[in-house]
Protein backbone atom coordinates (compact mmCIF):
# COMPACT_ATOMS: atom_id res chain seq x y z
CA UNK A 1 76.26 115.56 72.70
CA UNK A 2 74.93 112.28 74.41
CA UNK A 3 71.50 110.92 74.80
CA UNK A 4 70.35 114.17 72.65
CA UNK A 5 71.95 116.78 75.39
CA UNK A 6 74.80 118.89 74.98
CA UNK A 7 77.11 118.85 77.84
CA UNK A 8 79.76 121.96 79.26
CA UNK A 9 82.34 120.17 81.39
CA UNK A 10 84.83 122.08 83.72
CA UNK A 11 86.44 125.34 82.42
CA UNK A 12 87.63 128.77 83.75
CA UNK A 13 86.37 131.07 86.18
CA UNK A 14 86.73 134.65 86.34
CA UNK A 15 89.36 134.39 89.19
CA UNK A 16 91.40 131.83 86.65
CA UNK A 17 90.72 128.87 88.60
CA UNK A 18 89.70 125.70 87.13
CA UNK A 19 85.77 124.36 87.79
CA UNK A 20 84.67 120.65 88.32
CA UNK A 21 81.22 122.06 87.58
CA UNK A 22 78.98 120.03 84.52
CA UNK A 23 75.73 121.01 83.26
CA UNK A 24 73.70 119.84 80.33
CA UNK A 25 71.23 121.61 78.08
CA UNK A 26 68.38 119.76 76.38
CA UNK A 27 67.75 121.40 72.89
CA UNK A 28 64.24 119.65 73.05
CA UNK A 29 62.88 121.87 76.12
CA UNK A 30 65.38 125.14 75.92
CA UNK A 31 66.46 124.29 79.87
CA UNK A 32 69.68 123.50 81.45
CA UNK A 33 70.15 121.11 84.26
CA UNK A 34 73.37 120.06 86.72
CA UNK A 35 74.95 116.84 86.35
CA UNK A 36 77.58 115.40 88.38
CA UNK A 37 80.68 117.69 88.79
CA UNK A 38 84.17 116.26 87.59
CA UNK A 39 86.05 114.48 89.98
CA UNK A 40 89.01 116.94 89.53
CA UNK A 41 88.76 120.59 88.52
CA UNK A 42 89.79 121.08 84.80
CA UNK A 43 89.84 123.45 82.23
CA UNK A 44 90.83 123.41 78.20
CA UNK A 45 90.00 119.87 78.29
CA UNK A 46 88.69 117.51 75.39
CA UNK A 47 84.77 116.29 75.54
CA UNK A 48 83.17 113.73 73.43
CA UNK A 49 80.46 111.35 73.47
CA UNK A 50 81.50 108.08 73.21
CA UNK A 51 79.21 104.89 73.45
CA UNK A 52 76.44 106.64 74.77
CA UNK A 53 78.91 108.30 77.53
CA UNK A 54 80.15 111.26 78.16
CA UNK A 55 83.99 111.51 78.00
CA UNK A 56 86.08 114.36 79.28
CA UNK A 57 89.79 114.07 78.31
CA UNK A 58 93.16 115.53 79.35
CA UNK A 59 92.82 119.05 80.11
CA UNK A 60 94.76 121.57 82.38
CA UNK A 61 94.51 121.21 86.13
CA UNK A 62 93.71 124.00 89.06
CA UNK A 63 94.26 127.21 87.44
CA UNK A 64 95.71 129.01 84.35
CA UNK A 65 99.35 127.85 84.14
CA UNK A 66 98.74 124.64 86.02
CA UNK A 67 99.73 121.21 85.29
CA UNK A 68 98.76 119.28 82.14
CA UNK A 69 96.53 116.28 82.58
CA UNK A 70 96.61 112.66 80.67
CA UNK A 71 93.23 111.44 83.06
CA UNK A 72 90.07 110.41 81.06
CA UNK A 73 86.86 110.12 82.76
CA UNK A 74 83.71 108.78 81.69
CA UNK A 75 80.21 109.51 83.38
CA UNK A 76 78.53 106.12 83.95
CA UNK A 77 74.87 106.82 85.20
CA UNK A 78 75.45 109.61 87.96
CA UNK A 79 79.06 108.49 88.73
CA UNK A 80 82.05 109.50 87.44
CA UNK A 81 84.62 106.36 86.42
CA UNK A 82 87.90 106.84 85.33
CA UNK A 83 89.07 105.01 81.68
CA UNK A 84 92.67 104.26 80.82
CA UNK A 85 94.76 107.73 80.48
CA UNK A 86 96.25 109.39 77.46
CA UNK A 87 99.49 108.25 76.46
CA UNK A 88 100.79 111.74 77.12
CA UNK A 89 98.85 114.92 78.85
CA UNK A 90 97.78 117.37 76.39
CA UNK A 91 94.98 120.24 77.10
CA UNK A 92 93.33 122.69 74.31
CA UNK A 93 93.40 119.98 71.97
CA UNK A 94 90.05 118.55 70.23
CA UNK A 95 88.22 115.13 70.52
CA UNK A 96 85.62 113.78 67.96
CA UNK A 97 84.23 109.99 67.52
CA UNK A 98 85.18 108.28 64.32
CA UNK A 99 83.24 104.82 63.83
CA UNK A 100 83.81 103.22 66.95
CA UNK A 101 86.83 105.26 68.39
CA UNK A 102 87.69 108.53 69.80
CA UNK A 103 90.38 110.22 68.19
CA UNK A 104 92.18 113.05 70.32
CA UNK A 105 94.02 115.61 67.76
CA UNK A 106 96.29 118.91 68.51
CA UNK A 107 97.02 120.53 72.02
CA UNK A 108 99.61 121.19 74.40
CA UNK A 109 101.84 119.91 77.21
CA UNK A 110 103.58 122.60 79.25
CA UNK A 111 105.37 124.72 76.51
CA UNK A 112 105.20 121.54 73.34
CA UNK A 113 102.66 121.21 70.87
CA UNK A 114 101.39 117.30 70.67
CA UNK A 115 102.00 116.17 67.71
CA UNK A 116 100.83 112.59 67.52
CA UNK A 117 97.05 111.95 67.22
CA UNK A 118 95.97 109.24 69.75
CA UNK A 119 93.01 106.92 69.16
CA UNK A 120 90.98 105.00 71.81
CA UNK A 121 89.13 101.54 71.05
CA UNK A 122 87.27 101.47 74.37
CA UNK A 123 90.49 99.71 75.89
CA UNK A 124 93.47 100.75 75.37
CA UNK A 125 95.14 104.01 73.65
CA UNK A 126 97.49 103.93 70.70
CA UNK A 127 99.34 106.63 68.56
CA UNK A 128 97.98 108.00 65.13
CA UNK A 129 100.47 110.11 62.54
CA UNK A 130 101.60 113.41 64.06
CA UNK A 131 99.65 116.52 62.76
CA UNK A 132 101.67 118.04 60.43
CA UNK A 133 101.10 121.75 61.60
CA UNK A 134 101.10 121.35 65.68
CA UNK A 135 98.94 123.54 67.08
CA UNK A 136 96.69 124.22 70.21
CA UNK A 137 93.57 125.93 70.76
CA UNK A 138 92.42 123.99 67.75
CA UNK A 139 88.62 122.90 66.86
CA UNK A 140 87.85 119.67 65.17
CA UNK A 141 84.66 118.11 63.64
CA UNK A 142 84.12 114.92 62.13
CA UNK A 143 81.80 113.34 59.07
CA UNK A 144 82.29 110.27 60.56
CA UNK A 145 85.50 109.00 58.58
CA UNK A 146 87.47 111.78 58.44
CA UNK A 147 88.86 114.27 61.51
CA UNK A 148 88.66 117.90 60.23
CA UNK A 149 90.78 119.92 62.33
CA UNK A 150 90.71 124.05 62.14
CA UNK A 151 92.89 126.62 63.30
CA UNK A 152 94.65 126.95 66.49
CA UNK A 153 97.98 128.81 67.91
CA UNK A 154 101.31 128.62 68.86
CA UNK A 155 104.04 130.60 70.12
CA UNK A 156 101.52 133.47 70.35
CA UNK A 157 100.72 133.10 66.75
CA UNK A 158 97.02 132.30 65.14
CA UNK A 159 96.76 130.02 62.31
CA UNK A 160 94.20 129.40 59.60
CA UNK A 161 95.61 126.14 58.44
CA UNK A 162 92.53 123.21 57.59
CA UNK A 163 94.31 119.55 58.39
CA UNK A 164 92.11 116.53 57.36
CA UNK A 165 92.97 113.10 59.16
CA UNK A 166 92.42 110.06 58.00
CA UNK A 167 92.10 107.65 60.83
CA UNK A 168 91.48 104.59 58.58
CA UNK A 169 94.46 105.35 56.59
CA UNK A 170 96.81 106.99 59.39
CA UNK A 171 97.23 109.83 57.12
CA UNK A 172 97.38 113.72 57.64
CA UNK A 173 96.48 116.00 54.28
CA UNK A 174 96.15 120.27 54.33
CA UNK A 175 93.19 121.36 52.43
CA UNK A 176 92.47 124.86 51.92
CA UNK A 177 93.10 127.08 54.71
CA UNK A 178 90.11 129.06 56.77
CA UNK A 179 89.30 132.86 55.45
CA UNK A 180 90.29 134.09 58.81
CA UNK A 181 93.00 132.81 61.17
CA UNK A 182 92.24 132.34 64.82
CA UNK A 183 92.19 130.07 67.83
CA UNK A 184 89.89 129.09 70.18
CA UNK A 185 87.14 128.42 68.01
CA UNK A 186 84.44 125.84 67.68
CA UNK A 187 83.61 123.33 65.05
CA UNK A 188 80.63 121.19 63.74
CA UNK A 189 79.78 118.90 60.90
CA UNK A 190 76.29 119.65 59.18
CA UNK A 191 75.02 118.74 55.94
CA UNK A 192 78.31 118.01 54.05
CA UNK A 193 80.40 121.26 55.61
CA UNK A 194 82.22 121.85 58.72
CA UNK A 195 81.00 125.07 60.40
CA UNK A 196 83.60 126.88 62.23
CA UNK A 197 82.21 129.76 64.75
CA UNK A 198 83.97 132.08 67.03
CA UNK A 199 87.63 132.43 68.16
CA UNK A 200 90.61 134.94 69.08
CA UNK A 201 93.86 136.53 67.63
CA UNK A 202 94.53 140.23 67.90
CA UNK A 203 90.81 140.42 68.14
CA UNK A 204 87.60 138.52 68.76
CA UNK A 205 86.26 136.85 65.81
CA UNK A 206 82.29 136.64 65.55
CA UNK A 207 83.03 135.12 61.83
CA UNK A 208 81.24 131.79 61.36
CA UNK A 209 82.79 129.97 58.03
CA UNK A 210 81.69 126.90 56.40
CA UNK A 211 83.73 124.43 54.33
CA UNK A 212 82.15 122.21 51.73
CA UNK A 213 83.94 118.89 52.01
CA UNK A 214 83.26 118.10 48.44
CA UNK A 215 84.40 121.40 46.33
CA UNK A 216 87.10 122.10 48.90
CA UNK A 217 85.32 126.00 49.34
CA UNK A 218 84.71 128.05 51.90
CA UNK A 219 81.89 130.34 52.63
CA UNK A 220 80.72 132.93 54.93
CA UNK A 221 77.48 132.30 57.34
CA UNK A 222 76.04 135.05 59.54
CA UNK A 223 78.31 136.60 61.85
CA UNK A 224 77.53 135.17 65.64
CA UNK A 225 75.75 137.86 67.66
CA UNK A 226 78.26 137.97 70.34
CA UNK A 227 81.78 137.03 69.70
CA UNK A 228 83.19 134.05 71.66
CA UNK A 229 86.41 132.37 72.14
CA UNK A 230 86.98 128.76 73.96
CA UNK A 231 83.23 128.32 72.64
CA UNK A 232 81.81 124.91 72.59
CA UNK A 233 80.00 124.34 68.98
CA UNK A 234 77.82 121.18 68.32
CA UNK A 235 75.09 120.37 65.68
CA UNK A 236 71.91 118.86 66.25
CA UNK A 237 70.15 118.40 63.32
CA UNK A 238 70.71 121.88 60.91
CA UNK A 239 71.17 123.54 63.98
CA UNK A 240 74.13 124.65 65.07
CA UNK A 241 74.90 125.67 68.67
CA UNK A 242 77.82 127.73 70.29
CA UNK A 243 78.18 127.63 74.24
CA UNK A 244 79.97 129.78 76.74
CA UNK A 245 83.37 130.52 76.47
CA UNK A 246 84.97 134.08 76.71
CA UNK A 247 83.74 137.34 75.34
CA UNK A 248 86.70 139.32 75.43
CA UNK A 249 90.37 138.67 74.45
CA UNK A 250 92.18 136.56 77.05
CA UNK A 251 90.20 135.58 80.29
CA UNK A 252 86.65 136.63 80.65
CA UNK A 253 84.04 133.72 81.10
CA UNK A 254 80.36 134.20 79.71
CA UNK A 255 77.27 132.59 79.89
CA UNK A 256 76.44 133.08 76.47
CA UNK A 257 74.55 130.64 74.48
CA UNK A 258 73.30 131.22 70.80
CA UNK A 259 72.23 129.19 67.48
CA UNK A 260 72.30 129.21 63.95
CA UNK A 261 69.49 127.18 62.20
CA UNK A 262 70.95 126.48 58.41
CA UNK A 263 68.16 126.17 55.71
């Protein structure tokens, strides 16, 4: 989310190639519009709205199986500029903004899971503590203080892990696992809860599950009408938007966009 708009940047096309395309959705009008393309084609990047600008971080270049990237780009008006690179390449992680910092967690570099969190203060990156369970294709959300990291996969297995990072203390803890193990899901923080949606594993998952951060409990919400993985999930007020992703296990790009408004 940047300036009240939801941005979608990069991704995979049906032939397995990456795209540099960027589009934005205005929830107020229900309309999509084009945005300047990324400087390079990327899939599985991380993204965040930081200091009023769209940042796109890391990712994987060219095609499925391509090289991982450490480069960081931000959109300044109608021009992309380059920010300091991540300390290590990674794709299929997650990024959130906590206070006045970007926090990047999880992901993969080649065949290796990336352990350390990385924190950007607007000038330079520094390492944070390593995630207890290194996973890629994770989702993350924040309440403004803590980073909640949901699910993910490693070595072909899919996990229900729910891990919590405190950037101020530079410490991790494990919270109660999600009811449903999956990867490629999305997450957003809404009204005191982390909402997780979609994902894949041995099947597609339409499940939407909500974690109450005070009670440390999970509950079910209505399923997604279309099960998606590699899905971007953001919240605008009490409405959760699920954008694009694959509609079948593996490579199956879609243009599906759905929303759930919580009471």
